[in-house]
């Protein structure tokens, strides 16, 4: 029911749930599970959000 509300789950190439964009690199494959099926995709680019509280 959660997926039916618009959420999705991303899996890495080994089938593990991906919890961070940093776990991917350009060219990696991934699978996205949605309420009505799966999508397979390939990473073009990874953009990480800045970490809060870091002094640069």
PDB file of N, CA and C in Angstrom:
ATOM      1  N   UNK A   1       0.803  -1.203   0.000  1.00  0.00           N
ATOM      2  CA  UNK A   1       0.000   0.000   0.000  1.00  0.00           C
ATOM      3  C   UNK A   1       0.848   1.270   0.000  1.00  0.00           C
ATOM      4  N   UNK A   2       2.036   1.192   0.537  1.00  0.00           N
ATOM      5  CA  UNK A   2       2.914   2.363   0.555  1.00  0.00           C
ATOM      6  C   UNK A   2       3.295   2.752  -0.872  1.00  0.00           C
ATOM      7  N   UNK A   3       3.627   1.761  -1.702  1.00  0.00           N
ATOM      8  CA  UNK A   3       4.013   2.059  -3.078  1.00  0.00           C
ATOM      9  C   UNK A   3       2.859   2.679  -3.853  1.00  0.00           C
ATOM     10  N   UNK A   4       1.645   2.319  -3.528  1.00  0.00           N
ATOM     11  CA  UNK A   4       0.472   2.876  -4.212  1.00  0.00           C
ATOM     12  C   UNK A   4       0.295   4.364  -3.916  1.00  0.00           C
ATOM     13  N   UNK A   5       0.961   4.863  -2.867  1.00  0.00           N
ATOM     14  CA  UNK A   5       0.876   6.293  -2.533  1.00  0.00           C
ATOM     15  C   UNK A   5       1.939   7.106  -3.259  1.00  0.00           C
ATOM     16  N   UNK A   6       2.700   6.481  -4.153  1.00  0.00           N
ATOM     17  CA  UNK A   6       3.680   7.221  -4.937  1.00  0.00           C
ATOM     18  C   UNK A   6       5.123   6.978  -4.552  1.00  0.00           C
ATOM     19  N   UNK A   7       5.352   6.160  -3.553  1.00  0.00           N
ATOM     20  CA  UNK A   7       6.718   5.837  -3.159  1.00  0.00           C
ATOM     21  C   UNK A   7       7.275   4.750  -4.066  1.00  0.00           C
ATOM     22  N   UNK A   8       8.597   4.611  -4.062  1.00  0.00           N
ATOM     23  CA  UNK A   8       9.242   3.544  -4.818  1.00  0.00           C
ATOM     24  C   UNK A   8      10.439   3.041  -4.015  1.00  0.00           C
ATOM     25  N   UNK A   9      10.961   1.889  -4.420  1.00  0.00           N
ATOM     26  CA  UNK A   9      12.135   1.299  -3.782  1.00  0.00           C
ATOM     27  C   UNK A   9      13.177   1.074  -4.862  1.00  0.00           C
ATOM     28  N   UNK A  10      14.388   1.579  -4.643  1.00  0.00           N
ATOM     29  CA  UNK A  10      15.481   1.385  -5.597  1.00  0.00           C
ATOM     30  C   UNK A  10      16.378   0.252  -5.110  1.00  0.00           C
ATOM     31  N   UNK A  11      16.773  -0.609  -6.043  1.00  0.00           N
ATOM     32  CA  UNK A  11      17.668  -1.725  -5.755  1.00  0.00           C
ATOM     33  C   UNK A  11      18.933  -1.563  -6.588  1.00  0.00           C
ATOM     34  N   UNK A  12      20.083  -1.897  -5.998  1.00  0.00           N
ATOM     35  CA  UNK A  12      21.330  -1.824  -6.757  1.00  0.00           C
ATOM     36  C   UNK A  12      21.453  -3.034  -7.677  1.00  0.00           C
ATOM     37  N   UNK A  13      22.556  -3.127  -8.390  1.00  0.00           N
ATOM     38  CA  UNK A  13      22.760  -4.204  -9.343  1.00  0.00           C
ATOM     39  C   UNK A  13      22.818  -5.588  -8.725  1.00  0.00           C
ATOM     40  N   UNK A  14      23.070  -5.655  -7.412  1.00  0.00           N
ATOM     41  CA  UNK A  14      23.102  -6.936  -6.706  1.00  0.00           C
ATOM     42  C   UNK A  14      21.766  -7.275  -6.063  1.00  0.00           C
ATOM     43  N   UNK A  15      20.763  -6.419  -6.270  1.00  0.00           N
ATOM     44  CA  UNK A  15      19.440  -6.674  -5.712  1.00  0.00           C
ATOM     45  C   UNK A  15      19.244  -6.193  -4.289  1.00  0.00           C
ATOM     46  N   UNK A  16      20.218  -5.448  -3.752  1.00  0.00           N
ATOM     47  CA  UNK A  16      20.078  -4.899  -2.392  1.00  0.00           C
ATOM     48  C   UNK A  16      19.366  -3.557  -2.444  1.00  0.00           C
ATOM     49  N   UNK A  17      18.575  -3.266  -1.421  1.00  0.00           N
ATOM     50  CA  UNK A  17      17.892  -1.977  -1.342  1.00  0.00           C
ATOM     51  C   UNK A  17      18.942  -0.875  -1.239  1.00  0.00           C
ATOM     52  N   UNK A  18      18.815   0.134  -2.084  1.00  0.00           N
ATOM     53  CA  UNK A  18      19.745   1.262  -2.092  1.00  0.00           C
ATOM     54  C   UNK A  18      19.201   2.350  -1.172  1.00  0.00           C
ATOM     55  N   UNK A  19      20.010   2.771  -0.212  1.00  0.00           N
ATOM     56  CA  UNK A  19      19.588   3.810   0.727  1.00  0.00           C
ATOM     57  C   UNK A  19      20.358   5.113   0.540  1.00  0.00           C
ATOM     58  N   UNK A  20      21.313   5.124  -0.389  1.00  0.00           N
ATOM     59  CA  UNK A  20      22.132   6.315  -0.607  1.00  0.00           C
ATOM     60  C   UNK A  20      22.476   6.461  -2.079  1.00  0.00           C
ATOM     61  N   UNK A  21      22.396   7.680  -2.579  1.00  0.00           N
ATOM     62  CA  UNK A  21      22.824   7.947  -3.956  1.00  0.00           C
ATOM     63  C   UNK A  21      24.309   7.655  -4.111  1.00  0.00           C
ATOM     64  N   UNK A  22      25.058   7.786  -3.017  1.00  0.00           N
ATOM     65  CA  UNK A  22      26.490   7.539  -3.044  1.00  0.00           C
ATOM     66  C   UNK A  22      26.864   6.091  -3.297  1.00  0.00           C
ATOM     67  N   UNK A  23      25.901   5.193  -3.240  1.00  0.00           N
ATOM     68  CA  UNK A  23      26.192   3.784  -3.514  1.00  0.00           C
ATOM     69  C   UNK A  23      26.201   3.483  -5.009  1.00  0.00           C
ATOM     70  N   UNK A  24      25.914   4.496  -5.837  1.00  0.00           N
ATOM     71  CA  UNK A  24      25.884   4.319  -7.285  1.00  0.00           C
ATOM     72  C   UNK A  24      26.995   5.119  -7.950  1.00  0.00           C
ATOM     73  N   UNK A  25      27.395   4.648  -9.114  1.00  0.00           N
ATOM     74  CA  UNK A  25      28.364   5.349  -9.959  1.00  0.00           C
ATOM     75  C   UNK A  25      27.820   5.355 -11.383  1.00  0.00           C
ATOM     76  N   UNK A  26      28.238   6.317 -12.200  1.00  0.00           N
ATOM     77  CA  UNK A  26      27.783   6.325 -13.590  1.00  0.00           C
ATOM     78  C   UNK A  26      28.034   4.970 -14.261  1.00  0.00           C
ATOM     79  N   UNK A  27      27.030   4.496 -14.957  1.00  0.00           N
ATOM     80  CA  UNK A  27      27.111   3.212 -15.635  1.00  0.00           C
ATOM     81  C   UNK A  27      26.499   2.063 -14.858  1.00  0.00           C
ATOM     82  N   UNK A  28      26.282   2.245 -13.551  1.00  0.00           N
ATOM     83  CA  UNK A  28      25.664   1.192 -12.742  1.00  0.00           C
ATOM     84  C   UNK A  28      24.221   0.961 -13.166  1.00  0.00           C
ATOM     85  N   UNK A  29      23.784  -0.273 -13.075  1.00  0.00           N
ATOM     86  CA  UNK A  29      22.387  -0.589 -13.317  1.00  0.00           C
ATOM     87  C   UNK A  29      21.613  -0.570 -12.016  1.00  0.00           C
ATOM     88  N   UNK A  30      20.323  -0.302 -12.103  1.00  0.00           N
ATOM     89  CA  UNK A  30      19.464  -0.350 -10.934  1.00  0.00           C
ATOM     90  C   UNK A  30      18.055  -0.744 -11.344  1.00  0.00           C
ATOM     91  N   UNK A  31      17.295  -1.176 -10.344  1.00  0.00           N
ATOM     92  CA  UNK A  31      15.898  -1.536 -10.564  1.00  0.00           C
ATOM     93  C   UNK A  31      15.060  -0.718  -9.598  1.00  0.00           C
ATOM     94  N   UNK A  32      13.971  -0.172 -10.074  1.00  0.00           N
ATOM     95  CA  UNK A  32      13.067   0.614  -9.239  1.00  0.00           C
ATOM     96  C   UNK A  32      11.724  -0.104  -9.192  1.00  0.00           C
ATOM     97  N   UNK A  33      11.279  -0.454  -7.995  1.00  0.00           N
ATOM     98  CA  UNK A  33       9.993  -1.114  -7.805  1.00  0.00           C
ATOM     99  C   UNK A  33       8.943  -0.053  -7.534  1.00  0.00           C
ATOM    100  N   UNK A  34       7.850  -0.083  -8.289  1.00  0.00           N
ATOM    101  CA  UNK A  34       6.717   0.825  -8.113  1.00  0.00           C
ATOM    102  C   UNK A  34       5.471  -0.014  -7.875  1.00  0.00           C
ATOM    103  N   UNK A  35       4.372   0.625  -7.588  1.00  0.00           N
ATOM    104  CA  UNK A  35       3.151  -0.098  -7.239  1.00  0.00           C
ATOM    105  C   UNK A  35       2.710  -1.063  -8.329  1.00  0.00           C
ATOM    106  N   UNK A  36       2.927  -0.701  -9.585  1.00  0.00           N
ATOM    107  CA  UNK A  36       2.407  -1.534 -10.672  1.00  0.00           C
ATOM    108  C   UNK A  36       3.485  -2.273 -11.452  1.00  0.00           C
ATOM    109  N   UNK A  37       4.730  -2.274 -10.973  1.00  0.00           N
ATOM    110  CA  UNK A  37       5.783  -3.012 -11.664  1.00  0.00           C
ATOM    111  C   UNK A  37       7.157  -2.438 -11.408  1.00  0.00           C
ATOM    112  N   UNK A  38       8.121  -2.936 -12.164  1.00  0.00           N
ATOM    113  CA  UNK A  38       9.518  -2.543 -12.006  1.00  0.00           C
ATOM    114  C   UNK A  38      10.018  -1.802 -13.238  1.00  0.00           C
ATOM    115  N   UNK A  39      11.027  -0.958 -13.022  1.00  0.00           N
ATOM    116  CA  UNK A  39      11.724  -0.265 -14.097  1.00  0.00           C
ATOM    117  C   UNK A  39      13.207  -0.570 -13.926  1.00  0.00           C
ATOM    118  N   UNK A  40      13.868  -0.933 -14.990  1.00  0.00           N
ATOM    119  CA  UNK A  40      15.326  -1.114 -14.961  1.00  0.00           C
ATOM    120  C   UNK A  40      15.954   0.089 -15.647  1.00  0.00           C
ATOM    121  N   UNK A  41      17.040   0.584 -15.061  1.00  0.00           N
ATOM    122  CA  UNK A  41      17.662   1.808 -15.575  1.00  0.00           C
ATOM    123  C   UNK A  41      19.173   1.740 -15.402  1.00  0.00           C
ATOM    124  N   UNK A  42      19.863   2.684 -16.022  1.00  0.00           N
ATOM    125  CA  UNK A  42      21.309   2.808 -15.893  1.00  0.00           C
ATOM    126  C   UNK A  42      21.614   4.235 -15.434  1.00  0.00           C
ATOM    127  N   UNK A  43      22.554   4.372 -14.500  1.00  0.00           N
ATOM    128  CA  UNK A  43      22.908   5.669 -13.924  1.00  0.00           C
ATOM    129  C   UNK A  43      23.733   6.475 -14.922  1.00  0.00           C
ATOM    130  N   UNK A  44      23.301   7.714 -15.179  1.00  0.00           N
ATOM    131  CA  UNK A  44      24.069   8.654 -16.001  1.00  0.00           C
ATOM    132  C   UNK A  44      24.953   9.540 -15.137  1.00  0.00           C
ATOM    133  N   UNK A  45      24.419   9.961 -13.999  1.00  0.00           N
ATOM    134  CA  UNK A  45      25.115  10.928 -13.147  1.00  0.00           C
ATOM    135  C   UNK A  45      24.645  10.739 -11.717  1.00  0.00           C
ATOM    136  N   UNK A  46      25.540  10.999 -10.761  1.00  0.00           N
ATOM    137  CA  UNK A  46      25.202  10.956  -9.341  1.00  0.00           C
ATOM    138  C   UNK A  46      25.450  12.342  -8.766  1.00  0.00           C
ATOM    139  N   UNK A  47      24.451  12.916  -8.114  1.00  0.00           N
ATOM    140  CA  UNK A  47      24.574  14.225  -7.458  1.00  0.00           C
ATOM    141  C   UNK A  47      24.237  14.044  -5.988  1.00  0.00           C
ATOM    142  N   UNK A  48      25.211  14.228  -5.129  1.00  0.00           N
ATOM    143  CA  UNK A  48      25.004  14.074  -3.695  1.00  0.00           C
ATOM    144  C   UNK A  48      24.640  15.413  -3.071  1.00  0.00           C
ATOM    145  N   UNK A  49      23.713  15.381  -2.141  1.00  0.00           N
ATOM    146  CA  UNK A  49      23.325  16.584  -1.404  1.00  0.00           C
ATOM    147  C   UNK A  49      24.437  16.928  -0.416  1.00  0.00           C
ATOM    148  N   UNK A  50      24.666  18.224  -0.161  1.00  0.00           N
ATOM    149  CA  UNK A  50      25.676  18.598   0.839  1.00  0.00           C
ATOM    150  C   UNK A  50      25.258  18.099   2.219  1.00  0.00           C
ATOM    151  N   UNK A  51      26.242  17.734   3.007  1.00  0.00           N
ATOM    152  CA  UNK A  51      25.957  17.267   4.365  1.00  0.00           C
ATOM    153  C   UNK A  51      25.667  18.459   5.260  1.00  0.00           C
ATOM    154  N   UNK A  52      24.589  18.411   6.017  1.00  0.00           N
ATOM    155  CA  UNK A  52      24.278  19.526   6.924  1.00  0.00           C
ATOM    156  C   UNK A  52      25.344  19.664   8.015  1.00  0.00           C
ATOM    157  N   UNK A  53      25.690  20.898   8.333  1.00  0.00           N
ATOM    158  CA  UNK A  53      26.616  21.163   9.421  1.00  0.00           C
ATOM    159  C   UNK A  53      28.083  21.051   9.068  1.00  0.00           C
ATOM    160  N   UNK A  54      28.397  20.796   7.818  1.00  0.00           N
ATOM    161  CA  UNK A  54      29.809  20.715   7.420  1.00  0.00           C
ATOM    162  C   UNK A  54      30.354  22.100   7.143  1.00  0.00           C
ATOM    163  N   UNK A  55      31.529  22.363   7.639  1.00  0.00           N
ATOM    164  CA  UNK A  55      32.220  23.620   7.334  1.00  0.00           C
ATOM    165  C   UNK A  55      33.157  23.369   6.167  1.00  0.00           C
ATOM    166  N   UNK A  56      32.961  24.071   5.068  1.00  0.00           N
ATOM    167  CA  UNK A  56      33.827  23.887   3.895  1.00  0.00           C
ATOM    168  C   UNK A  56      34.834  24.996   3.784  1.00  0.00           C
TER     169      UNK A  56
END
